[in-house]
N, C-alpha and C. Protein backbone atom coordinates (compact mmCIF):
# COMPACT_ATOMS: atom_id res chain seq x y z
N MET A 1 16.39 -0.79 -4.89
CA MET A 1 15.19 -1.12 -4.74
C MET A 1 14.87 -1.78 -2.88
N ALA A 2 13.80 -1.30 -2.51
CA ALA A 2 13.68 -1.20 -0.86
C ALA A 2 12.59 -2.74 -1.09
N LYS A 3 12.97 -3.42 -0.09
CA LYS A 3 12.20 -4.57 0.35
C LYS A 3 10.89 -4.66 0.52
N LEU A 4 9.97 -5.03 0.02
CA LEU A 4 8.21 -4.80 0.14
C LEU A 4 8.03 -6.11 0.96
N VAL A 5 7.44 -5.97 1.98
CA VAL A 5 6.59 -7.31 2.54
C VAL A 5 5.40 -6.77 2.83
N TYR A 6 4.50 -7.47 2.89
CA TYR A 6 2.84 -7.65 3.26
C TYR A 6 2.56 -8.46 4.48
N THR A 7 1.92 -7.63 5.72
CA THR A 7 1.20 -8.42 6.30
C THR A 7 0.24 -9.50 6.15
N ARG A 8 -0.10 -10.19 6.76
CA ARG A 8 -1.25 -11.32 6.27
C ARG A 8 -2.50 -10.52 5.94
N ARG A 9 -2.65 -9.76 6.92
CA ARG A 9 -3.91 -9.10 6.56
C ARG A 9 -4.09 -8.50 4.98
N ALA A 10 -2.88 -7.61 4.72
CA ALA A 10 -2.83 -7.21 3.64
C ALA A 10 -3.00 -8.28 2.42
N ALA A 11 -2.07 -9.20 2.44
CA ALA A 11 -1.93 -9.89 1.50
C ALA A 11 -3.41 -10.52 1.28
N LYS A 12 -4.09 -10.99 2.02
CA LYS A 12 -5.52 -11.41 2.26
C LYS A 12 -6.53 -10.50 1.16
N ALA A 13 -6.06 -9.32 1.69
CA ALA A 13 -7.04 -8.33 1.05
C ALA A 13 -6.82 -8.15 -0.45
N LEU A 14 -5.43 -8.28 -0.83
CA LEU A 14 -4.79 -8.13 -2.15
C LEU A 14 -5.47 -9.40 -3.07
N ARG A 15 -5.51 -10.48 -2.50
CA ARG A 15 -5.90 -11.88 -2.92
C ARG A 15 -7.55 -11.69 -3.13
N ARG A 16 -8.21 -10.93 -2.31
CA ARG A 16 -9.47 -10.90 -2.40
C ARG A 16 -10.29 -9.83 -3.33
N ALA A 17 -9.23 -8.79 -3.71
CA ALA A 17 -9.44 -7.64 -4.43
C ALA A 17 -10.19 -7.61 -5.81
N PRO A 18 -11.10 -7.14 -6.16
CA PRO A 18 -11.71 -7.17 -7.41
C PRO A 18 -10.47 -7.15 -8.35
N ARG A 19 -10.79 -8.03 -9.66
CA ARG A 19 -9.66 -8.12 -10.61
C ARG A 19 -8.84 -6.92 -11.18
N GLU A 20 -9.69 -5.79 -11.32
CA GLU A 20 -9.21 -4.76 -12.02
C GLU A 20 -8.36 -4.35 -10.80
N ILE A 21 -8.33 -4.26 -9.69
CA ILE A 21 -7.81 -3.48 -8.27
C ILE A 21 -6.46 -4.05 -7.81
N GLY A 22 -6.78 -5.35 -8.03
CA GLY A 22 -5.25 -6.24 -7.20
C GLY A 22 -4.11 -6.13 -7.70
N PRO A 23 -4.27 -6.61 -9.31
CA PRO A 23 -2.83 -6.36 -10.10
C PRO A 23 -2.26 -4.94 -9.77
N ARG A 24 -3.11 -3.89 -10.18
CA ARG A 24 -2.68 -2.34 -10.09
C ARG A 24 -2.05 -1.98 -8.67
N MET A 25 -2.71 -2.30 -7.79
CA MET A 25 -2.32 -2.24 -6.62
C MET A 25 -0.95 -2.70 -6.52
N ARG A 26 -0.78 -4.06 -6.51
CA ARG A 26 0.61 -4.52 -6.57
C ARG A 26 1.56 -4.04 -7.20
N ASP A 27 1.39 -3.61 -8.52
CA ASP A 27 2.42 -2.84 -9.43
C ASP A 27 2.44 -1.67 -8.75
N ALA A 28 1.76 -0.85 -8.39
CA ALA A 28 1.81 0.66 -7.68
C ALA A 28 3.01 0.41 -6.35
N LEU A 29 2.83 -0.87 -5.70
CA LEU A 29 3.37 -0.83 -4.36
C LEU A 29 4.83 -1.17 -4.94
N VAL A 30 5.15 -1.95 -5.95
CA VAL A 30 6.48 -2.42 -6.38
C VAL A 30 7.12 -0.99 -7.00
N ARG A 31 6.32 -0.32 -7.81
CA ARG A 31 6.80 0.95 -8.42
C ARG A 31 7.39 1.76 -7.17
N LEU A 32 6.63 1.65 -6.13
CA LEU A 32 7.04 2.59 -5.01
C LEU A 32 8.39 2.09 -3.98
N ALA A 33 8.40 0.68 -4.29
CA ALA A 33 9.51 -0.04 -3.56
C ALA A 33 11.01 0.09 -4.39
N GLU A 34 10.66 0.42 -6.00
CA GLU A 34 11.72 0.79 -6.70
C GLU A 34 12.36 1.94 -6.65
N GLY A 35 11.42 2.80 -6.11
CA GLY A 35 11.46 4.35 -6.34
C GLY A 35 11.97 4.87 -7.32
N GLY A 36 11.56 4.33 -8.36
CA GLY A 36 12.26 4.99 -9.80
C GLY A 36 10.78 6.00 -10.27
N ASP A 37 9.87 5.59 -10.47
CA ASP A 37 8.63 5.81 -11.00
C ASP A 37 7.32 5.73 -9.88
N PRO A 38 7.52 6.64 -8.89
CA PRO A 38 6.43 6.93 -7.83
C PRO A 38 5.13 6.74 -7.98
N PRO A 39 4.25 6.11 -7.43
CA PRO A 39 2.65 6.37 -7.74
C PRO A 39 2.24 7.89 -7.54
N PRO A 40 1.28 8.03 -8.39
CA PRO A 40 0.73 9.58 -8.26
C PRO A 40 0.33 10.09 -6.82
N ASP A 41 -0.04 9.39 -5.97
CA ASP A 41 -0.49 9.75 -4.58
C ASP A 41 -0.24 8.81 -3.37
N VAL A 42 0.67 9.45 -2.93
CA VAL A 42 1.11 8.98 -1.69
C VAL A 42 1.28 9.80 -0.43
N ARG A 43 0.65 9.94 0.38
CA ARG A 43 0.58 10.83 1.55
C ARG A 43 0.97 10.45 3.09
N PRO A 44 1.35 11.19 4.02
CA PRO A 44 1.43 10.76 5.25
C PRO A 44 -0.14 10.55 5.98
N LEU A 45 -0.10 9.36 6.53
CA LEU A 45 -1.46 9.58 7.31
C LEU A 45 -1.43 10.73 8.57
N VAL A 46 -2.83 10.94 8.52
CA VAL A 46 -2.93 11.84 9.75
C VAL A 46 -3.15 11.42 10.98
N GLY A 47 -2.63 11.57 12.30
CA GLY A 47 -3.19 11.33 13.51
C GLY A 47 -2.54 9.53 13.81
N ARG A 48 -1.59 9.33 12.93
CA ARG A 48 -0.93 8.06 13.36
C ARG A 48 0.41 8.03 12.45
N THR A 49 0.94 7.05 12.67
CA THR A 49 2.11 6.71 11.63
C THR A 49 2.26 6.15 10.68
N GLY A 50 2.64 6.45 9.48
CA GLY A 50 2.64 5.47 8.09
C GLY A 50 2.44 6.43 7.07
N TRP A 51 1.74 5.67 6.24
CA TRP A 51 1.46 6.38 5.00
C TRP A 51 0.37 5.51 4.10
N ARG A 52 -0.38 6.15 3.19
CA ARG A 52 -0.96 5.70 2.46
C ARG A 52 -1.02 5.84 0.93
N LEU A 53 -1.17 5.03 0.09
CA LEU A 53 -1.31 5.06 -1.30
C LEU A 53 -2.55 4.97 -1.73
N ARG A 54 -3.06 5.96 -2.59
CA ARG A 54 -4.41 5.97 -3.24
C ARG A 54 -4.18 5.93 -4.57
N LEU A 55 -5.17 4.26 -5.10
CA LEU A 55 -5.51 4.09 -6.23
C LEU A 55 -7.05 3.99 -6.60
N GLY A 56 -7.64 5.28 -6.98
CA GLY A 56 -8.95 5.50 -7.49
C GLY A 56 -9.51 5.21 -6.10
N SER A 57 -10.67 4.19 -5.66
CA SER A 57 -11.41 4.52 -4.58
C SER A 57 -10.43 3.35 -3.52
N TRP A 58 -9.45 2.68 -4.19
CA TRP A 58 -8.72 1.93 -3.17
C TRP A 58 -7.73 2.36 -2.27
N ARG A 59 -7.22 1.93 -0.92
CA ARG A 59 -6.08 2.58 -0.52
C ARG A 59 -5.24 1.48 0.07
N ALA A 60 -4.04 1.69 0.34
CA ALA A 60 -2.92 0.60 0.69
C ALA A 60 -2.36 1.37 1.83
N MET A 61 -2.34 0.81 3.12
CA MET A 61 -1.45 1.59 4.36
C MET A 61 -0.65 0.93 4.40
N PHE A 62 0.88 1.50 4.54
CA PHE A 62 2.20 1.08 4.79
C PHE A 62 2.91 2.04 5.64
N ARG A 63 4.10 1.10 5.86
CA ARG A 63 5.07 2.07 7.05
C ARG A 63 6.39 1.71 6.42
N ARG A 64 7.13 2.77 6.50
CA ARG A 64 8.63 2.48 6.35
C ARG A 64 9.54 2.02 7.21
N ARG A 65 10.12 1.06 7.28
CA ARG A 65 10.74 0.67 8.46
C ARG A 65 12.47 1.31 8.51
N ASP A 66 12.91 1.06 9.71
CA ASP A 66 14.16 1.61 9.84
C ASP A 66 14.97 1.38 8.68
N ASP A 67 15.06 -0.31 8.40
CA ASP A 67 16.07 -0.68 7.32
C ASP A 67 15.66 -0.62 6.03
N GLY A 68 14.90 0.25 5.54
CA GLY A 68 14.52 0.86 4.41
C GLY A 68 13.07 -0.35 3.69
N THR A 69 12.95 -1.20 4.62
CA THR A 69 11.77 -1.92 3.97
C THR A 69 10.33 -1.60 3.95
N ILE A 70 9.95 -1.64 2.85
CA ILE A 70 8.32 -1.20 3.03
C ILE A 70 7.44 -2.26 3.55
N GLU A 71 6.49 -1.93 4.51
CA GLU A 71 5.57 -2.94 5.18
C GLU A 71 4.01 -2.29 4.81
N VAL A 72 3.71 -3.37 4.12
CA VAL A 72 2.11 -2.98 3.67
C VAL A 72 1.34 -3.53 4.60
N LEU A 73 0.53 -2.75 5.20
CA LEU A 73 0.06 -3.13 6.58
C LEU A 73 -1.69 -3.35 6.03
N ASP A 74 -2.29 -2.98 5.30
CA ASP A 74 -3.65 -2.96 4.92
C ASP A 74 -3.72 -2.51 3.38
N VAL A 75 -4.85 -3.38 3.01
CA VAL A 75 -5.46 -2.58 1.38
C VAL A 75 -6.69 -2.88 1.51
N GLY A 76 -7.48 -2.03 0.95
CA GLY A 76 -8.86 -1.92 1.39
C GLY A 76 -9.56 -0.67 0.48
N PRO A 77 -10.99 -1.00 0.10
CA PRO A 77 -11.60 0.35 -0.32
C PRO A 77 -11.44 1.57 0.74
N ARG A 78 -11.95 2.89 -0.02
CA ARG A 78 -12.20 3.81 0.85
C ARG A 78 -13.00 3.87 2.01
N GLY A 79 -12.28 4.18 3.19
CA GLY A 79 -13.08 4.24 4.41
C GLY A 79 -13.21 2.64 5.09
N GLY A 80 -12.53 1.55 4.60
CA GLY A 80 -13.07 0.39 4.83
C GLY A 80 -11.52 0.14 5.68
N ILE A 81 -10.72 0.70 5.77
CA ILE A 81 -9.01 0.13 6.40
C ILE A 81 -8.50 1.08 7.44
N TYR A 82 -9.16 2.15 7.63
CA TYR A 82 -8.48 2.92 8.72
C TYR A 82 -8.89 3.02 10.36
N GLY A 83 -10.27 1.82 10.47
CA GLY A 83 -10.69 1.72 11.62
C GLY A 83 -9.90 0.76 12.55
């Protein structure tokens, strides 16, 4: 299992996310780190380094470090985290 770390910004966004989104997003990120059952929609970002995980209308931006750690950079509704 890869280590999963959150930036301060991502952790704050997850705490403030709606009740139906926060736990589901955390579960999807844990599944991603475990590597067993990947979330359904993970794609590379276009025009910058990193990846995004889509869960309904919410997105999580993350990157994989050289040591295998997954660093969650930001979480938010569609269109709100890429700027």
